[in-house]
Amino acid sequence: GGRMGDVSAAIGQVGRAAGYGINADFGGHGVGRTMHEEPHVPNLGRPGTGLKLKTGLVVAIEPWFMAGGDDYVVDDDGWTIRTADGSLAAHAEHTVALTPDGPVVLTARD
């Protein structure tokens, strides 16, 4: 019964509670046969909104937390992303499958 906005809101709440900036322009994505498929998984959102989460959906959840605020720059190579103020940042990814028995974190070490 959850929605994508619930996931996005949780990412934002955790990051903001810890005092981090959040890259809201990039985020997670669907996982399938091509790279970065739909649906987009935003790093900020409102609970109860967005795509309804259903069995069979596989998504990569990719929070981007930045020590200095929300601003970032993209280098001339079009690929490298840096915090605008030069502070530290972290980007992580977990792939989650929604199964009939509940969510399974496919990238968990256990």
N, C-alpha and C. Protein backbone atom coordinates (compact mmCIF):
# COMPACT_ATOMS: atom_id res chain seq x y z
N GLY A 1 0.80 -1.21 0.00
CA GLY A 1 0.00 0.00 0.00
C GLY A 1 0.83 1.27 0.00
N GLY A 2 2.17 1.13 0.05
CA GLY A 2 3.02 2.31 0.06
C GLY A 2 3.13 2.95 -1.31
N ARG A 3 3.69 4.13 -1.33
CA ARG A 3 3.89 4.87 -2.57
C ARG A 3 5.34 5.36 -2.65
N MET A 4 5.75 5.70 -3.86
CA MET A 4 7.12 6.15 -4.05
C MET A 4 7.43 7.36 -3.19
N GLY A 5 6.46 8.23 -3.02
CA GLY A 5 6.67 9.41 -2.17
C GLY A 5 7.03 9.04 -0.74
N ASP A 6 6.56 7.89 -0.27
CA ASP A 6 6.91 7.43 1.08
C ASP A 6 8.41 7.13 1.17
N VAL A 7 8.94 6.48 0.14
CA VAL A 7 10.37 6.18 0.09
C VAL A 7 11.17 7.48 0.01
N SER A 8 10.76 8.36 -0.89
CA SER A 8 11.46 9.63 -1.09
C SER A 8 11.43 10.49 0.17
N ALA A 9 10.28 10.53 0.83
CA ALA A 9 10.16 11.31 2.06
C ALA A 9 11.06 10.74 3.15
N ALA A 10 11.15 9.42 3.24
CA ALA A 10 12.01 8.79 4.25
C ALA A 10 13.48 9.14 4.02
N ILE A 11 13.92 9.12 2.76
CA ILE A 11 15.30 9.49 2.45
C ILE A 11 15.55 10.93 2.92
N GLY A 12 14.67 11.82 2.55
CA GLY A 12 14.81 13.23 2.93
C GLY A 12 14.79 13.43 4.43
N GLN A 13 13.90 12.75 5.13
CA GLN A 13 13.79 12.91 6.57
C GLN A 13 15.06 12.45 7.28
N VAL A 14 15.62 11.33 6.86
CA VAL A 14 16.85 10.82 7.47
C VAL A 14 18.00 11.79 7.23
N GLY A 15 18.16 12.22 5.98
CA GLY A 15 19.25 13.14 5.65
C GLY A 15 19.13 14.47 6.37
N ARG A 16 17.96 15.06 6.33
CA ARG A 16 17.76 16.37 6.97
C ARG A 16 17.93 16.27 8.49
N ALA A 17 17.42 15.19 9.10
CA ALA A 17 17.55 15.02 10.55
C ALA A 17 19.01 14.96 10.98
N ALA A 18 19.87 14.46 10.10
CA ALA A 18 21.30 14.37 10.40
C ALA A 18 22.04 15.65 10.00
N GLY A 19 21.32 16.62 9.45
CA GLY A 19 21.93 17.90 9.10
C GLY A 19 22.56 17.96 7.73
N TYR A 20 22.22 17.02 6.86
CA TYR A 20 22.84 16.97 5.54
C TYR A 20 22.00 17.68 4.48
N GLY A 21 22.69 18.19 3.47
CA GLY A 21 22.05 18.63 2.26
C GLY A 21 21.69 17.41 1.43
N ILE A 22 20.75 17.57 0.53
CA ILE A 22 20.29 16.44 -0.28
C ILE A 22 20.26 16.84 -1.74
N ASN A 23 20.83 16.00 -2.58
CA ASN A 23 20.77 16.22 -4.02
C ASN A 23 19.40 15.75 -4.50
N ALA A 24 18.53 16.71 -4.77
CA ALA A 24 17.16 16.39 -5.17
C ALA A 24 17.01 16.20 -6.68
N ASP A 25 18.04 16.52 -7.45
CA ASP A 25 17.95 16.40 -8.90
C ASP A 25 18.29 14.99 -9.39
N PHE A 26 19.09 14.28 -8.61
CA PHE A 26 19.45 12.91 -8.95
C PHE A 26 18.79 11.99 -7.94
N GLY A 27 18.71 10.72 -8.24
CA GLY A 27 18.11 9.78 -7.30
C GLY A 27 18.20 8.38 -7.85
N GLY A 28 17.34 7.54 -7.32
CA GLY A 28 17.34 6.15 -7.75
C GLY A 28 16.51 5.95 -9.00
N HIS A 29 16.33 4.67 -9.35
CA HIS A 29 15.68 4.35 -10.61
C HIS A 29 15.20 2.90 -10.61
N GLY A 30 14.37 2.60 -11.58
CA GLY A 30 13.95 1.23 -11.79
C GLY A 30 15.11 0.39 -12.31
N VAL A 31 15.02 -0.91 -12.06
CA VAL A 31 16.05 -1.85 -12.50
C VAL A 31 15.38 -2.88 -13.40
N GLY A 32 15.95 -3.08 -14.56
CA GLY A 32 15.38 -4.03 -15.51
C GLY A 32 16.39 -4.39 -16.56
N ARG A 33 16.07 -4.09 -17.80
CA ARG A 33 16.93 -4.48 -18.92
C ARG A 33 17.83 -3.38 -19.43
N THR A 34 17.55 -2.13 -19.05
CA THR A 34 18.40 -1.02 -19.47
C THR A 34 18.81 -0.22 -18.24
N MET A 35 19.84 0.60 -18.40
CA MET A 35 20.34 1.39 -17.29
C MET A 35 19.39 2.54 -16.97
N HIS A 36 19.15 2.76 -15.70
CA HIS A 36 18.35 3.87 -15.20
C HIS A 36 16.94 3.90 -15.79
N GLU A 37 16.22 2.82 -15.65
CA GLU A 37 14.84 2.75 -16.13
C GLU A 37 13.90 3.52 -15.22
N GLU A 38 12.70 3.73 -15.71
CA GLU A 38 11.62 4.26 -14.87
C GLU A 38 11.23 3.15 -13.89
N PRO A 39 10.75 3.48 -12.73
CA PRO A 39 10.42 4.83 -12.27
C PRO A 39 11.62 5.51 -11.62
N HIS A 40 11.58 6.82 -11.63
CA HIS A 40 12.58 7.62 -10.92
C HIS A 40 12.27 7.52 -9.42
N VAL A 41 13.30 7.42 -8.59
CA VAL A 41 13.14 7.38 -7.14
C VAL A 41 13.77 8.65 -6.57
N PRO A 42 12.99 9.70 -6.37
CA PRO A 42 13.54 10.97 -5.87
C PRO A 42 14.10 10.84 -4.46
N ASN A 43 15.03 11.72 -4.13
CA ASN A 43 15.60 11.74 -2.79
C ASN A 43 14.85 12.66 -1.84
N LEU A 44 13.84 13.33 -2.33
CA LEU A 44 12.93 14.13 -1.52
C LEU A 44 11.52 13.88 -2.04
N GLY A 45 10.54 13.87 -1.16
CA GLY A 45 9.17 13.67 -1.61
C GLY A 45 8.18 13.84 -0.49
N ARG A 46 6.92 13.65 -0.83
CA ARG A 46 5.83 13.75 0.13
C ARG A 46 5.20 12.38 0.34
N PRO A 47 5.03 11.98 1.60
CA PRO A 47 4.39 10.68 1.86
C PRO A 47 3.01 10.60 1.20
N GLY A 48 2.64 9.40 0.78
CA GLY A 48 1.32 9.18 0.21
C GLY A 48 1.16 9.62 -1.23
N THR A 49 2.24 10.05 -1.88
CA THR A 49 2.16 10.51 -3.26
C THR A 49 2.98 9.61 -4.17
N GLY A 50 2.78 9.76 -5.46
CA GLY A 50 3.60 9.05 -6.43
C GLY A 50 3.10 7.64 -6.73
N LEU A 51 3.92 6.93 -7.46
CA LEU A 51 3.63 5.58 -7.92
C LEU A 51 3.29 4.66 -6.76
N LYS A 52 2.27 3.85 -6.92
CA LYS A 52 1.95 2.85 -5.90
C LYS A 52 2.97 1.72 -6.01
N LEU A 53 3.52 1.31 -4.88
CA LEU A 53 4.53 0.25 -4.85
C LEU A 53 3.82 -1.10 -4.92
N LYS A 54 4.20 -1.91 -5.91
CA LYS A 54 3.53 -3.19 -6.15
C LYS A 54 4.54 -4.32 -6.28
N THR A 55 4.10 -5.53 -5.99
CA THR A 55 4.91 -6.72 -6.16
C THR A 55 5.46 -6.76 -7.58
N GLY A 56 6.75 -7.11 -7.70
CA GLY A 56 7.40 -7.19 -9.00
C GLY A 56 8.28 -6.00 -9.31
N LEU A 57 8.06 -4.89 -8.61
CA LEU A 57 8.87 -3.70 -8.84
C LEU A 57 10.27 -3.92 -8.27
N VAL A 58 11.28 -3.55 -9.03
CA VAL A 58 12.67 -3.60 -8.57
C VAL A 58 13.26 -2.21 -8.80
N VAL A 59 13.76 -1.60 -7.72
CA VAL A 59 14.31 -0.25 -7.81
C VAL A 59 15.65 -0.16 -7.11
N ALA A 60 16.47 0.75 -7.61
CA ALA A 60 17.71 1.13 -6.93
C ALA A 60 17.39 2.40 -6.15
N ILE A 61 17.61 2.36 -4.85
CA ILE A 61 17.41 3.52 -3.99
C ILE A 61 18.78 4.14 -3.77
N GLU A 62 18.94 5.42 -4.16
CA GLU A 62 20.27 6.05 -4.19
C GLU A 62 20.29 7.41 -3.49
N PRO A 63 20.35 7.43 -2.17
CA PRO A 63 20.45 8.73 -1.50
C PRO A 63 21.78 9.41 -1.76
N TRP A 64 21.74 10.74 -1.87
CA TRP A 64 22.93 11.59 -2.01
C TRP A 64 22.88 12.58 -0.86
N PHE A 65 23.76 12.44 0.10
CA PHE A 65 23.82 13.36 1.24
C PHE A 65 25.09 14.20 1.13
N MET A 66 24.94 15.50 1.41
CA MET A 66 26.06 16.44 1.25
C MET A 66 26.24 17.24 2.53
N ALA A 67 27.47 17.32 3.01
CA ALA A 67 27.75 17.97 4.29
C ALA A 67 27.49 19.47 4.26
N GLY A 68 27.62 20.12 3.11
CA GLY A 68 27.58 21.57 3.09
C GLY A 68 26.29 22.20 2.60
N GLY A 69 25.31 21.46 2.25
CA GLY A 69 24.07 22.05 1.73
C GLY A 69 23.60 21.30 0.50
N ASP A 70 22.62 21.86 -0.18
CA ASP A 70 21.99 21.18 -1.31
C ASP A 70 22.64 21.46 -2.67
N ASP A 71 23.53 22.41 -2.73
CA ASP A 71 24.06 22.85 -4.03
C ASP A 71 25.22 21.98 -4.50
N TYR A 72 25.25 21.75 -5.81
CA TYR A 72 26.30 20.95 -6.42
C TYR A 72 26.64 21.52 -7.79
N VAL A 73 27.76 21.08 -8.33
CA VAL A 73 28.17 21.47 -9.68
C VAL A 73 28.53 20.20 -10.45
N VAL A 74 28.36 20.27 -11.76
CA VAL A 74 28.76 19.18 -12.64
C VAL A 74 29.97 19.66 -13.42
N ASP A 75 31.04 18.87 -13.38
CA ASP A 75 32.27 19.24 -14.09
C ASP A 75 32.04 19.25 -15.60
N ASP A 76 33.01 19.83 -16.31
CA ASP A 76 32.92 19.96 -17.77
C ASP A 76 32.83 18.60 -18.47
N ASP A 77 33.27 17.52 -17.80
CA ASP A 77 33.17 16.20 -18.43
C ASP A 77 31.73 15.70 -18.49
N GLY A 78 30.80 16.43 -17.84
CA GLY A 78 29.39 16.06 -17.87
C GLY A 78 29.04 14.89 -16.98
N TRP A 79 29.98 14.39 -16.22
CA TRP A 79 29.78 13.18 -15.43
C TRP A 79 30.10 13.39 -13.96
N THR A 80 31.20 14.08 -13.67
CA THR A 80 31.66 14.27 -12.30
C THR A 80 30.80 15.30 -11.59
N ILE A 81 30.30 14.94 -10.42
CA ILE A 81 29.45 15.82 -9.62
C ILE A 81 30.18 16.13 -8.32
N ARG A 82 30.19 17.42 -7.96
CA ARG A 82 30.86 17.86 -6.74
C ARG A 82 29.93 18.78 -5.95
N THR A 83 30.14 18.84 -4.64
CA THR A 83 29.40 19.81 -3.85
C THR A 83 29.89 21.21 -4.26
N ALA A 84 28.98 22.16 -4.28
CA ALA A 84 29.33 23.51 -4.71
C ALA A 84 30.34 24.17 -3.79
N ASP A 85 30.31 23.82 -2.50
CA ASP A 85 31.21 24.45 -1.54
C ASP A 85 32.45 23.62 -1.23
N GLY A 86 32.62 22.49 -1.92
CA GLY A 86 33.79 21.64 -1.70
C GLY A 86 33.69 20.74 -0.49
N SER A 87 32.54 20.70 0.17
CA SER A 87 32.38 19.82 1.33
C SER A 87 32.23 18.37 0.90
N LEU A 88 32.28 17.48 1.87
CA LEU A 88 32.16 16.05 1.59
C LEU A 88 30.74 15.67 1.22
N ALA A 89 30.62 14.61 0.46
CA ALA A 89 29.31 14.08 0.08
C ALA A 89 29.39 12.56 0.05
N ALA A 90 28.24 11.92 0.16
CA ALA A 90 28.18 10.46 0.09
C ALA A 90 27.01 10.06 -0.80
N HIS A 91 27.26 9.05 -1.59
CA HIS A 91 26.22 8.49 -2.47
C HIS A 91 26.28 6.99 -2.30
N ALA A 92 25.14 6.38 -2.00
CA ALA A 92 25.08 4.93 -1.82
C ALA A 92 23.91 4.39 -2.63
N GLU A 93 23.93 3.08 -2.84
CA GLU A 93 22.85 2.48 -3.63
C GLU A 93 22.54 1.09 -3.08
N HIS A 94 21.25 0.82 -2.93
CA HIS A 94 20.77 -0.52 -2.65
C HIS A 94 19.66 -0.84 -3.65
N THR A 95 19.64 -2.05 -4.12
CA THR A 95 18.59 -2.50 -5.03
C THR A 95 17.59 -3.32 -4.23
N VAL A 96 16.32 -2.97 -4.37
CA VAL A 96 15.25 -3.59 -3.58
C VAL A 96 14.21 -4.16 -4.52
N ALA A 97 13.82 -5.42 -4.27
CA ALA A 97 12.75 -6.07 -5.03
C ALA A 97 11.53 -6.19 -4.14
N LEU A 98 10.38 -5.84 -4.67
CA LEU A 98 9.13 -6.00 -3.93
C LEU A 98 8.55 -7.37 -4.29
N THR A 99 8.53 -8.26 -3.32
CA THR A 99 8.07 -9.64 -3.53
C THR A 99 6.74 -9.86 -2.81
N PRO A 100 6.07 -10.97 -3.08
CA PRO A 100 4.83 -11.27 -2.36
C PRO A 100 5.03 -11.36 -0.85
N ASP A 101 6.26 -11.65 -0.42
CA ASP A 101 6.57 -11.76 1.01
C ASP A 101 7.12 -10.47 1.60
N GLY A 102 7.15 -9.41 0.81
CA GLY A 102 7.67 -8.13 1.28
C GLY A 102 8.93 -7.73 0.53
N PRO A 103 9.51 -6.60 0.91
CA PRO A 103 10.70 -6.12 0.22
C PRO A 103 11.92 -6.97 0.55
N VAL A 104 12.78 -7.16 -0.47
CA VAL A 104 14.05 -7.87 -0.29
C VAL A 104 15.15 -6.97 -0.81
N VAL A 105 16.14 -6.69 0.05
CA VAL A 105 17.28 -5.86 -0.35
C VAL A 105 18.27 -6.80 -1.06
N LEU A 106 18.31 -6.72 -2.38
CA LEU A 106 19.12 -7.62 -3.18
C LEU A 106 20.62 -7.38 -3.01
N THR A 107 20.98 -6.17 -2.62
CA THR A 107 22.40 -5.83 -2.48
C THR A 107 22.88 -5.91 -1.03
N ALA A 108 22.07 -6.45 -0.13
CA ALA A 108 22.48 -6.60 1.26
C ALA A 108 23.59 -7.64 1.36
N ARG A 109 24.52 -7.45 2.28
CA ARG A 109 25.63 -8.38 2.44
C ARG A 109 25.20 -9.70 3.05
N ASP A 110 24.12 -9.72 3.76
CA ASP A 110 23.65 -10.96 4.41
C ASP A 110 22.78 -11.78 3.51
